Amino acid sequence: MHSALKKMSDAPFDENLNVVFYLAAVVYYRLSLDKESFVLMTRGVDFITANNSHYMLANSYYLLALIAKRLGDRHQRQTAADRSAFLATLFNESVYKFD
């Protein structure tokens, strides 16, 4: 996982790379490594938006909302949930809901 993330900065952008951040953050989330998951998913959102992409963005914000909820940050949870809902509607994207 870590080597995939390190090599991504050298690779040409492909939207499929967006999912690497998401899946790694889900693994951390499932392991209850919430701070690590939050940092990684925030990096993922930065990566996605820096490349003018939206693939996985609604799902990424959904995950950020879950993490923020567990961290007890109500404001961040609401902001991320609102962004997830907005992006899912805007891009007609299904968000995988779990927890």
PDB file of N, CA and C in Angstrom:
ATOM      1  N   MET A   1       0.822  -1.184   0.000  1.00  0.00           N
ATOM      2  CA  MET A   1       0.000   0.000   0.000  1.00  0.00           C
ATOM      3  C   MET A   1       0.873   1.257   0.000  1.00  0.00           C
ATOM      4  N   HIS A   2       1.839   1.290   0.888  1.00  0.00           N
ATOM      5  CA  HIS A   2       2.692   2.475   0.967  1.00  0.00           C
ATOM      6  C   HIS A   2       3.537   2.660  -0.289  1.00  0.00           C
ATOM      7  N   SER A   3       4.023   1.554  -0.853  1.00  0.00           N
ATOM      8  CA  SER A   3       4.841   1.683  -2.062  1.00  0.00           C
ATOM      9  C   SER A   3       3.993   2.154  -3.235  1.00  0.00           C
ATOM     10  N   ALA A   4       2.735   1.735  -3.303  1.00  0.00           N
ATOM     11  CA  ALA A   4       1.842   2.201  -4.373  1.00  0.00           C
ATOM     12  C   ALA A   4       1.625   3.705  -4.256  1.00  0.00           C
ATOM     13  N   LEU A   5       1.434   4.188  -3.048  1.00  0.00           N
ATOM     14  CA  LEU A   5       1.216   5.628  -2.844  1.00  0.00           C
ATOM     15  C   LEU A   5       2.474   6.431  -3.174  1.00  0.00           C
ATOM     16  N   LYS A   6       3.639   5.894  -2.830  1.00  0.00           N
ATOM     17  CA  LYS A   6       4.887   6.600  -3.119  1.00  0.00           C
ATOM     18  C   LYS A   6       5.136   6.702  -4.621  1.00  0.00           C
ATOM     19  N   LYS A   7       4.847   5.642  -5.348  1.00  0.00           N
ATOM     20  CA  LYS A   7       5.118   5.621  -6.784  1.00  0.00           C
ATOM     21  C   LYS A   7       4.108   6.439  -7.588  1.00  0.00           C
ATOM     22  N   MET A   8       2.986   6.776  -6.997  1.00  0.00           N
ATOM     23  CA  MET A   8       1.960   7.514  -7.726  1.00  0.00           C
ATOM     24  C   MET A   8       2.419   8.902  -8.144  1.00  0.00           C
ATOM     25  N   SER A   9       3.284   9.511  -7.358  1.00  0.00           N
ATOM     26  CA  SER A   9       3.732  10.867  -7.704  1.00  0.00           C
ATOM     27  C   SER A   9       4.586  10.877  -8.969  1.00  0.00           C
ATOM     28  N   ASP A  10       5.179   9.739  -9.311  1.00  0.00           N
ATOM     29  CA  ASP A  10       5.998   9.637 -10.518  1.00  0.00           C
ATOM     30  C   ASP A  10       5.211   9.184 -11.739  1.00  0.00           C
ATOM     31  N   ALA A  11       4.035   8.648 -11.510  1.00  0.00           N
ATOM     32  CA  ALA A  11       3.238   8.092 -12.609  1.00  0.00           C
ATOM     33  C   ALA A  11       2.391   9.182 -13.263  1.00  0.00           C
ATOM     34  N   PRO A  12       2.117   9.043 -14.552  1.00  0.00           N
ATOM     35  CA  PRO A  12       1.191   9.980 -15.192  1.00  0.00           C
ATOM     36  C   PRO A  12      -0.196   9.789 -14.581  1.00  0.00           C
ATOM     37  N   PHE A  13      -0.951  10.855 -14.484  1.00  0.00           N
ATOM     38  CA  PHE A  13      -2.261  10.778 -13.845  1.00  0.00           C
ATOM     39  C   PHE A  13      -3.210   9.886 -14.632  1.00  0.00           C
ATOM     40  N   ASP A  14      -3.914   9.077 -13.891  1.00  0.00           N
ATOM     41  CA  ASP A  14      -4.991   8.257 -14.419  1.00  0.00           C
ATOM     42  C   ASP A  14      -6.072   8.256 -13.341  1.00  0.00           C
ATOM     43  N   GLU A  15      -7.315   8.446 -13.726  1.00  0.00           N
ATOM     44  CA  GLU A  15      -8.385   8.518 -12.729  1.00  0.00           C
ATOM     45  C   GLU A  15      -8.466   7.276 -11.854  1.00  0.00           C
ATOM     46  N   ASN A  16      -8.046   6.146 -12.357  1.00  0.00           N
ATOM     47  CA  ASN A  16      -8.084   4.922 -11.570  1.00  0.00           C
ATOM     48  C   ASN A  16      -7.166   4.991 -10.347  1.00  0.00           C
ATOM     49  N   LEU A  17      -6.198   5.900 -10.358  1.00  0.00           N
ATOM     50  CA  LEU A  17      -5.318   6.059  -9.204  1.00  0.00           C
ATOM     51  C   LEU A  17      -6.063   6.648  -8.006  1.00  0.00           C
ATOM     52  N   ASN A  18      -7.176   7.327  -8.249  1.00  0.00           N
ATOM     53  CA  ASN A  18      -7.948   7.923  -7.156  1.00  0.00           C
ATOM     54  C   ASN A  18      -8.384   6.866  -6.145  1.00  0.00           C
ATOM     55  N   VAL A  19      -8.679   5.688  -6.638  1.00  0.00           N
ATOM     56  CA  VAL A  19      -9.187   4.630  -5.763  1.00  0.00           C
ATOM     57  C   VAL A  19      -8.114   4.104  -4.806  1.00  0.00           C
ATOM     58  N   VAL A  20      -6.853   4.273  -5.136  1.00  0.00           N
ATOM     59  CA  VAL A  20      -5.781   3.783  -4.265  1.00  0.00           C
ATOM     60  C   VAL A  20      -5.842   4.489  -2.915  1.00  0.00           C
ATOM     61  N   PHE A  21      -5.985   5.813  -2.926  1.00  0.00           N
ATOM     62  CA  PHE A  21      -6.102   6.558  -1.670  1.00  0.00           C
ATOM     63  C   PHE A  21      -7.325   6.096  -0.882  1.00  0.00           C
ATOM     64  N   TYR A  22      -8.443   5.959  -1.587  1.00  0.00           N
ATOM     65  CA  TYR A  22      -9.688   5.571  -0.946  1.00  0.00           C
ATOM     66  C   TYR A  22      -9.562   4.202  -0.285  1.00  0.00           C
ATOM     67  N   LEU A  23      -9.071   3.222  -1.024  1.00  0.00           N
ATOM     68  CA  LEU A  23      -8.967   1.872  -0.466  1.00  0.00           C
ATOM     69  C   LEU A  23      -7.992   1.807   0.706  1.00  0.00           C
ATOM     70  N   ALA A  24      -6.891   2.517   0.607  1.00  0.00           N
ATOM     71  CA  ALA A  24      -5.936   2.545   1.716  1.00  0.00           C
ATOM     72  C   ALA A  24      -6.565   3.194   2.947  1.00  0.00           C
ATOM     73  N   ALA A  25      -7.321   4.266   2.740  1.00  0.00           N
ATOM     74  CA  ALA A  25      -7.981   4.934   3.858  1.00  0.00           C
ATOM     75  C   ALA A  25      -9.059   4.038   4.475  1.00  0.00           C
ATOM     76  N   VAL A  26      -9.758   3.256   3.658  1.00  0.00           N
ATOM     77  CA  VAL A  26     -10.756   2.316   4.180  1.00  0.00           C
ATOM     78  C   VAL A  26     -10.073   1.266   5.054  1.00  0.00           C
ATOM     79  N   VAL A  27      -8.923   0.777   4.627  1.00  0.00           N
ATOM     80  CA  VAL A  27      -8.187  -0.213   5.421  1.00  0.00           C
ATOM     81  C   VAL A  27      -7.844   0.379   6.786  1.00  0.00           C
ATOM     82  N   TYR A  28      -7.283   1.576   6.795  1.00  0.00           N
ATOM     83  CA  TYR A  28      -6.968   2.232   8.071  1.00  0.00           C
ATOM     84  C   TYR A  28      -8.218   2.431   8.916  1.00  0.00           C
ATOM     85  N   TYR A  29      -9.305   2.834   8.278  1.00  0.00           N
ATOM     86  CA  TYR A  29     -10.569   3.040   8.992  1.00  0.00           C
ATOM     87  C   TYR A  29     -11.042   1.737   9.635  1.00  0.00           C
ATOM     88  N   ARG A  30     -11.003   0.659   8.891  1.00  0.00           N
ATOM     89  CA  ARG A  30     -11.433  -0.646   9.412  1.00  0.00           C
ATOM     90  C   ARG A  30     -10.525  -1.131  10.542  1.00  0.00           C
ATOM     91  N   LEU A  31      -9.284  -0.680  10.539  1.00  0.00           N
ATOM     92  CA  LEU A  31      -8.346  -1.032  11.611  1.00  0.00           C
ATOM     93  C   LEU A  31      -8.433  -0.051  12.786  1.00  0.00           C
ATOM     94  N   SER A  32      -9.387   0.877  12.706  1.00  0.00           N
ATOM     95  CA  SER A  32      -9.588   1.915  13.727  1.00  0.00           C
ATOM     96  C   SER A  32      -8.385   2.843  13.862  1.00  0.00           C
ATOM     97  N   LEU A  33      -7.661   3.016  12.783  1.00  0.00           N
ATOM     98  CA  LEU A  33      -6.567   3.983  12.729  1.00  0.00           C
ATOM     99  C   LEU A  33      -7.133   5.267  12.106  1.00  0.00           C
ATOM    100  N   ASP A  34      -8.013   5.903  12.871  1.00  0.00           N
ATOM    101  CA  ASP A  34      -8.822   6.992  12.332  1.00  0.00           C
ATOM    102  C   ASP A  34      -8.014   8.217  11.914  1.00  0.00           C
ATOM    103  N   LYS A  35      -7.046   8.600  12.704  1.00  0.00           N
ATOM    104  CA  LYS A  35      -6.235   9.770  12.336  1.00  0.00           C
ATOM    105  C   LYS A  35      -5.454   9.509  11.055  1.00  0.00           C
ATOM    106  N   GLU A  36      -4.880   8.320  10.936  1.00  0.00           N
ATOM    107  CA  GLU A  36      -4.134   7.961   9.736  1.00  0.00           C
ATOM    108  C   GLU A  36      -5.062   7.905   8.522  1.00  0.00           C
ATOM    109  N   SER A  37      -6.250   7.352   8.738  1.00  0.00           N
ATOM    110  CA  SER A  37      -7.230   7.271   7.664  1.00  0.00           C
ATOM    111  C   SER A  37      -7.654   8.660   7.214  1.00  0.00           C
ATOM    112  N   PHE A  38      -7.873   9.554   8.164  1.00  0.00           N
ATOM    113  CA  PHE A  38      -8.286  10.919   7.838  1.00  0.00           C
ATOM    114  C   PHE A  38      -7.211  11.647   7.036  1.00  0.00           C
ATOM    115  N   VAL A  39      -5.969  11.531   7.474  1.00  0.00           N
ATOM    116  CA  VAL A  39      -4.861  12.181   6.768  1.00  0.00           C
ATOM    117  C   VAL A  39      -4.738  11.629   5.347  1.00  0.00           C
ATOM    118  N   LEU A  40      -4.811  10.330   5.212  1.00  0.00           N
ATOM    119  CA  LEU A  40      -4.674   9.703   3.899  1.00  0.00           C
ATOM    120  C   LEU A  40      -5.822  10.094   2.977  1.00  0.00           C
ATOM    121  N   MET A  41      -7.057  10.110   3.507  1.00  0.00           N
ATOM    122  CA  MET A  41      -8.198  10.456   2.655  1.00  0.00           C
ATOM    123  C   MET A  41      -8.162  11.935   2.277  1.00  0.00           C
ATOM    124  N   THR A  42      -7.661  12.774   3.170  1.00  0.00           N
ATOM    125  CA  THR A  42      -7.486  14.195   2.840  1.00  0.00           C
ATOM    126  C   THR A  42      -6.460  14.344   1.721  1.00  0.00           C
ATOM    127  N   ARG A  43      -5.376  13.576   1.778  1.00  0.00           N
ATOM    128  CA  ARG A  43      -4.389  13.577   0.683  1.00  0.00           C
ATOM    129  C   ARG A  43      -5.032  13.113  -0.609  1.00  0.00           C
ATOM    130  N   GLY A  44      -5.905  12.109  -0.499  1.00  0.00           N
ATOM    131  CA  GLY A  44      -6.607  11.608  -1.675  1.00  0.00           C
ATOM    132  C   GLY A  44      -7.501  12.662  -2.301  1.00  0.00           C
ATOM    133  N   VAL A  45      -8.243  13.388  -1.481  1.00  0.00           N
ATOM    134  CA  VAL A  45      -9.098  14.468  -1.994  1.00  0.00           C
ATOM    135  C   VAL A  45      -8.236  15.527  -2.674  1.00  0.00           C
ATOM    136  N   ASP A  46      -7.109  15.855  -2.062  1.00  0.00           N
ATOM    137  CA  ASP A  46      -6.186  16.828  -2.671  1.00  0.00           C
ATOM    138  C   ASP A  46      -5.671  16.322  -4.014  1.00  0.00           C
ATOM    139  N   PHE A  47      -5.329  15.042  -4.079  1.00  0.00           N
ATOM    140  CA  PHE A  47      -4.840  14.432  -5.316  1.00  0.00           C
ATOM    141  C   PHE A  47      -5.912  14.496  -6.404  1.00  0.00           C
ATOM    142  N   ILE A  48      -7.129  14.119  -6.038  1.00  0.00           N
ATOM    143  CA  ILE A  48      -8.233  14.109  -7.000  1.00  0.00           C
ATOM    144  C   ILE A  48      -8.491  15.509  -7.539  1.00  0.00           C
ATOM    145  N   THR A  49      -8.602  16.471  -6.657  1.00  0.00           N
ATOM    146  CA  THR A  49      -8.933  17.830  -7.096  1.00  0.00           C
ATOM    147  C   THR A  49      -7.762  18.505  -7.812  1.00  0.00           C
ATOM    148  N   ALA A  50      -6.539  18.191  -7.418  1.00  0.00           N
ATOM    149  CA  ALA A  50      -5.371  18.775  -8.091  1.00  0.00           C
ATOM    150  C   ALA A  50      -5.293  18.320  -9.547  1.00  0.00           C
ATOM    151  N   ASN A  51      -5.903  17.171  -9.826  1.00  0.00           N
ATOM    152  CA  ASN A  51      -5.896  16.641 -11.178  1.00  0.00           C
ATOM    153  C   ASN A  51      -7.216  16.875 -11.907  1.00  0.00           C
ATOM    154  N   ASN A  52      -8.004  17.793 -11.385  1.00  0.00           N
ATOM    155  CA  ASN A  52      -9.288  18.162 -12.010  1.00  0.00           C
ATOM    156  C   ASN A  52     -10.167  16.952 -12.283  1.00  0.00           C
ATOM    157  N   SER A  53     -10.207  16.054 -11.334  1.00  0.00           N
ATOM    158  CA  SER A  53     -11.003  14.848 -11.452  1.00  0.00           C
ATOM    159  C   SER A  53     -12.148  14.914 -10.450  1.00  0.00           C
ATOM    160  N   HIS A  54     -13.124  14.061 -10.634  1.00  0.00           N
ATOM    161  CA  HIS A  54     -14.170  13.933  -9.621  1.00  0.00           C
ATOM    162  C   HIS A  54     -14.451  12.472  -9.299  1.00  0.00           C
ATOM    163  N   TYR A  55     -13.798  11.564 -10.033  1.00  0.00           N
ATOM    164  CA  TYR A  55     -13.984  10.139  -9.781  1.00  0.00           C
ATOM    165  C   TYR A  55     -13.557   9.800  -8.356  1.00  0.00           C
ATOM    166  N   MET A  56     -14.435   9.189  -7.593  1.00  0.00           N
ATOM    167  CA  MET A  56     -14.246   8.777  -6.200  1.00  0.00           C
ATOM    168  C   MET A  56     -14.347   9.935  -5.211  1.00  0.00           C
ATOM    169  N   LEU A  57     -14.646  11.131  -5.666  1.00  0.00           N
ATOM    170  CA  LEU A  57     -14.679  12.278  -4.759  1.00  0.00           C
ATOM    171  C   LEU A  57     -15.867  12.200  -3.797  1.00  0.00           C
ATOM    172  N   ALA A  58     -17.051  11.864  -4.279  1.00  0.00           N
ATOM    173  CA  ALA A  58     -18.215  11.738  -3.394  1.00  0.00           C
ATOM    174  C   ALA A  58     -17.984  10.630  -2.370  1.00  0.00           C
ATOM    175  N   ASN A  59     -17.413   9.510  -2.808  1.00  0.00           N
ATOM    176  CA  ASN A  59     -17.097   8.415  -1.886  1.00  0.00           C
ATOM    177  C   ASN A  59     -16.033   8.833  -0.875  1.00  0.00           C
ATOM    178  N   SER A  60     -15.074   9.600  -1.329  1.00  0.00           N
ATOM    179  CA  SER A  60     -14.009  10.056  -0.438  1.00  0.00           C
ATOM    180  C   SER A  60     -14.558  10.957   0.655  1.00  0.00           C
ATOM    181  N   TYR A  61     -15.432  11.868   0.286  1.00  0.00           N
ATOM    182  CA  TYR A  61     -16.040  12.744   1.296  1.00  0.00           C
ATOM    183  C   TYR A  61     -16.953  11.955   2.230  1.00  0.00           C
ATOM    184  N   TYR A  62     -17.636  10.933   1.729  1.00  0.00           N
ATOM    185  CA  TYR A  62     -18.443  10.083   2.595  1.00  0.00           C
ATOM    186  C   TYR A  62     -17.561   9.425   3.661  1.00  0.00           C
ATOM    187  N   LEU A  63     -16.419   8.888   3.221  1.00  0.00           N
ATOM    188  CA  LEU A  63     -15.491   8.271   4.162  1.00  0.00           C
ATOM    189  C   LEU A  63     -14.955   9.296   5.157  1.00  0.00           C
ATOM    190  N   LEU A  64     -14.640  10.486   4.688  1.00  0.00           N
ATOM    191  CA  LEU A  64     -14.183  11.539   5.601  1.00  0.00           C
ATOM    192  C   LEU A  64     -15.252  11.845   6.651  1.00  0.00           C
ATOM    193  N   ALA A  65     -16.516  11.821   6.258  1.00  0.00           N
ATOM    194  CA  ALA A  65     -17.602  12.064   7.213  1.00  0.00           C
ATOM    195  C   ALA A  65     -17.643  10.963   8.279  1.00  0.00           C
ATOM    196  N   LEU A  66     -17.471   9.713   7.859  1.00  0.00           N
ATOM    197  CA  LEU A  66     -17.456   8.603   8.822  1.00  0.00           C
ATOM    198  C   LEU A  66     -16.298   8.740   9.808  1.00  0.00           C
ATOM    199  N   ILE A  67     -15.145   9.077   9.273  1.00  0.00           N
ATOM    200  CA  ILE A  67     -13.955   9.211  10.124  1.00  0.00           C
ATOM    201  C   ILE A  67     -14.146  10.363  11.106  1.00  0.00           C
ATOM    202  N   ALA A  68     -14.631  11.493  10.609  1.00  0.00           N
ATOM    203  CA  ALA A  68     -14.841  12.657  11.466  1.00  0.00           C
ATOM    204  C   ALA A  68     -15.849  12.343  12.575  1.00  0.00           C
ATOM    205  N   LYS A  69     -16.850  11.551  12.252  1.00  0.00           N
ATOM    206  CA  LYS A  69     -17.838  11.148  13.264  1.00  0.00           C
ATOM    207  C   LYS A  69     -17.149  10.377  14.382  1.00  0.00           C
ATOM    208  N   ARG A  70     -16.298   9.416  14.016  1.00  0.00           N
ATOM    209  CA  ARG A  70     -15.598   8.638  15.042  1.00  0.00           C
ATOM    210  C   ARG A  70     -14.609   9.491  15.825  1.00  0.00           C
ATOM    211  N   LEU A  71     -14.059  10.506  15.174  1.00  0.00           N
ATOM    212  CA  LEU A  71     -13.129  11.402  15.867  1.00  0.00           C
ATOM    213  C   LEU A  71     -13.852  12.450  16.710  1.00  0.00           C
ATOM    214  N   GLY A  72     -15.173  12.487  16.579  1.00  0.00           N
ATOM    215  CA  GLY A  72     -15.958  13.421  17.375  1.00  0.00           C
ATOM    216  C   GLY A  72     -15.988  14.842  16.842  1.00  0.00           C
ATOM    217  N   ASP A  73     -15.666  15.021  15.574  1.00  0.00           N
ATOM    218  CA  ASP A  73     -15.662  16.353  14.955  1.00  0.00           C
ATOM    219  C   ASP A  73     -16.958  16.546  14.182  1.00  0.00           C
ATOM    220  N   ARG A  74     -17.967  17.078  14.853  1.00  0.00           N
ATOM    221  CA  ARG A  74     -19.299  17.226  14.254  1.00  0.00           C
ATOM    222  C   ARG A  74     -19.290  18.168  13.059  1.00  0.00           C
ATOM    223  N   HIS A  75     -18.539  19.249  13.146  1.00  0.00           N
ATOM    224  CA  HIS A  75     -18.491  20.219  12.044  1.00  0.00           C
ATOM    225  C   HIS A  75     -17.881  19.579  10.792  1.00  0.00           C
ATOM    226  N   GLN A  76     -16.749  18.920  10.948  1.00  0.00           N
ATOM    227  CA  GLN A  76     -16.089  18.271   9.812  1.00  0.00           C
ATOM    228  C   GLN A  76     -16.965  17.159   9.250  1.00  0.00           C
ATOM    229  N   ARG A  77     -17.653  16.424  10.126  1.00  0.00           N
ATOM    230  CA  ARG A  77     -18.549  15.361   9.671  1.00  0.00           C
ATOM    231  C   ARG A  77     -19.659  15.929   8.806  1.00  0.00           C
ATOM    232  N   GLN A  78     -20.263  17.005   9.261  1.00  0.00           N
ATOM    233  CA  GLN A  78     -21.371  17.598   8.502  1.00  0.00           C
ATOM    234  C   GLN A  78     -20.888  18.175   7.179  1.00  0.00           C
ATOM    235  N   THR A  79     -19.756  18.858   7.207  1.00  0.00           N
ATOM    236  CA  THR A  79     -19.201  19.436   5.984  1.00  0.00           C
ATOM    237  C   THR A  79     -18.902  18.345   4.959  1.00  0.00           C
ATOM    238  N   ALA A  80     -18.255  17.282   5.391  1.00  0.00           N
ATOM    239  CA  ALA A  80     -17.914  16.186   4.474  1.00  0.00           C
ATOM    240  C   ALA A  80     -19.172  15.481   3.968  1.00  0.00           C
ATOM    241  N   ALA A  81     -20.147  15.270   4.831  1.00  0.00           N
ATOM    242  CA  ALA A  81     -21.397  14.616   4.413  1.00  0.00           C
ATOM    243  C   ALA A  81     -22.132  15.473   3.385  1.00  0.00           C
ATOM    244  N   ASP A  82     -22.167  16.780   3.616  1.00  0.00           N
ATOM    245  CA  ASP A  82     -22.818  17.689   2.667  1.00  0.00           C
ATOM    246  C   ASP A  82     -22.116  17.668   1.313  1.00  0.00           C
ATOM    247  N   ARG A  83     -20.802  17.678   1.328  1.00  0.00           N
ATOM    248  CA  ARG A  83     -20.046  17.646   0.073  1.00  0.00           C
ATOM    249  C   ARG A  83     -20.261  16.332  -0.660  1.00  0.00           C
ATOM    250  N   SER A  84     -20.282  15.235   0.070  1.00  0.00           N
ATOM    251  CA  SER A  84     -20.519  13.937  -0.542  1.00  0.00           C
ATOM    252  C   SER A  84     -21.879  13.905  -1.227  1.00  0.00           C
ATOM    253  N   ALA A  85     -22.902  14.371  -0.528  1.00  0.00           N
ATOM    254  CA  ALA A  85     -24.255  14.370  -1.089  1.00  0.00           C
ATOM    255  C   ALA A  85     -24.340  15.276  -2.312  1.00  0.00           C
ATOM    256  N   PHE A  86     -23.725  16.446  -2.232  1.00  0.00           N
ATOM    257  CA  PHE A  86     -23.738  17.383  -3.357  1.00  0.00           C
ATOM    258  C   PHE A  86     -23.053  16.783  -4.581  1.00  0.00           C
ATOM    259  N   LEU A  87     -21.871  16.235  -4.390  1.00  0.00           N
ATOM    260  CA  LEU A  87     -21.112  15.672  -5.511  1.00  0.00           C
ATOM    261  C   LEU A  87     -21.802  14.446  -6.099  1.00  0.00           C
ATOM    262  N   ALA A  88     -22.402  13.629  -5.258  1.00  0.00           N
ATOM    263  CA  ALA A  88     -23.120  12.454  -5.757  1.00  0.00           C
ATOM    264  C   ALA A  88     -24.283  12.884  -6.643  1.00  0.00           C
ATOM    265  N   THR A  89     -24.968  13.938  -6.244  1.00  0.00           N
ATOM    266  CA  THR A  89     -26.075  14.458  -7.047  1.00  0.00           C
ATOM    267  C   THR A  89     -25.561  15.114  -8.316  1.00  0.00           C
ATOM    268  N   LEU A  90     -24.554  15.942  -8.189  1.00  0.00           N
ATOM    269  CA  LEU A  90     -24.011  16.689  -9.326  1.00  0.00           C
ATOM    270  C   LEU A  90     -23.511  15.757 -10.425  1.00  0.00           C
ATOM    271  N   PHE A  91     -22.803  14.718 -10.048  1.00  0.00           N
ATOM    272  CA  PHE A  91     -22.194  13.821 -11.025  1.00  0.00           C
ATOM    273  C   PHE A  91     -22.966  12.512 -11.200  1.00  0.00           C
ATOM    274  N   ASN A  92     -24.160  12.443 -10.605  1.00  0.00           N
ATOM    275  CA  ASN A  92     -25.003  11.255 -10.704  1.00  0.00           C
ATOM    276  C   ASN A  92     -24.196  10.000 -10.359  1.00  0.00           C
ATOM    277  N   GLU A  93     -23.537  10.067  -9.220  1.00  0.00           N
ATOM    278  CA  GLU A  93     -22.620   9.017  -8.782  1.00  0.00           C
ATOM    279  C   GLU A  93     -23.204   8.300  -7.567  1.00  0.00           C
ATOM    280  N   SER A  94     -23.103   7.003  -7.540  1.00  0.00           N
ATOM    281  CA  SER A  94     -23.538   6.229  -6.372  1.00  0.00           C
ATOM    282  C   SER A  94     -22.414   6.191  -5.354  1.00  0.00           C
ATOM    283  N   VAL A  95     -22.769   6.427  -4.110  1.00  0.00           N
ATOM    284  CA  VAL A  95     -21.798   6.373  -3.020  1.00  0.00           C
ATOM    285  C   VAL A  95     -21.977   5.046  -2.302  1.00  0.00           C
ATOM    286  N   TYR A  96     -20.873   4.335  -2.146  1.00  0.00           N
ATOM    287  CA  TYR A  96     -20.901   3.066  -1.425  1.00  0.00           C
ATOM    288  C   TYR A  96     -20.962   3.385   0.062  1.00  0.00           C
ATOM    289  N   LYS A  97     -22.080   3.031   0.687  1.00  0.00           N
ATOM    290  CA  LYS A  97     -22.280   3.347   2.106  1.00  0.00           C
ATOM    291  C   LYS A  97     -22.012   2.114   2.941  1.00  0.00           C
ATOM    292  N   PHE A  98     -21.178   2.296   3.920  1.00  0.00           N
ATOM    293  CA  PHE A  98     -20.842   1.220   4.848  1.00  0.00           C
ATOM    294  C   PHE A  98     -20.678   1.814   6.236  1.00  0.00           C
ATOM    295  N   ASP A  99     -20.513   0.984   7.202  1.00  0.00           N
ATOM    296  CA  ASP A  99     -20.200   1.326   8.585  1.00  0.00           C
ATOM    297  C   ASP A  99     -21.075   0.648   9.549  1.00  0.00           C
TER     298      ASP A  99
END
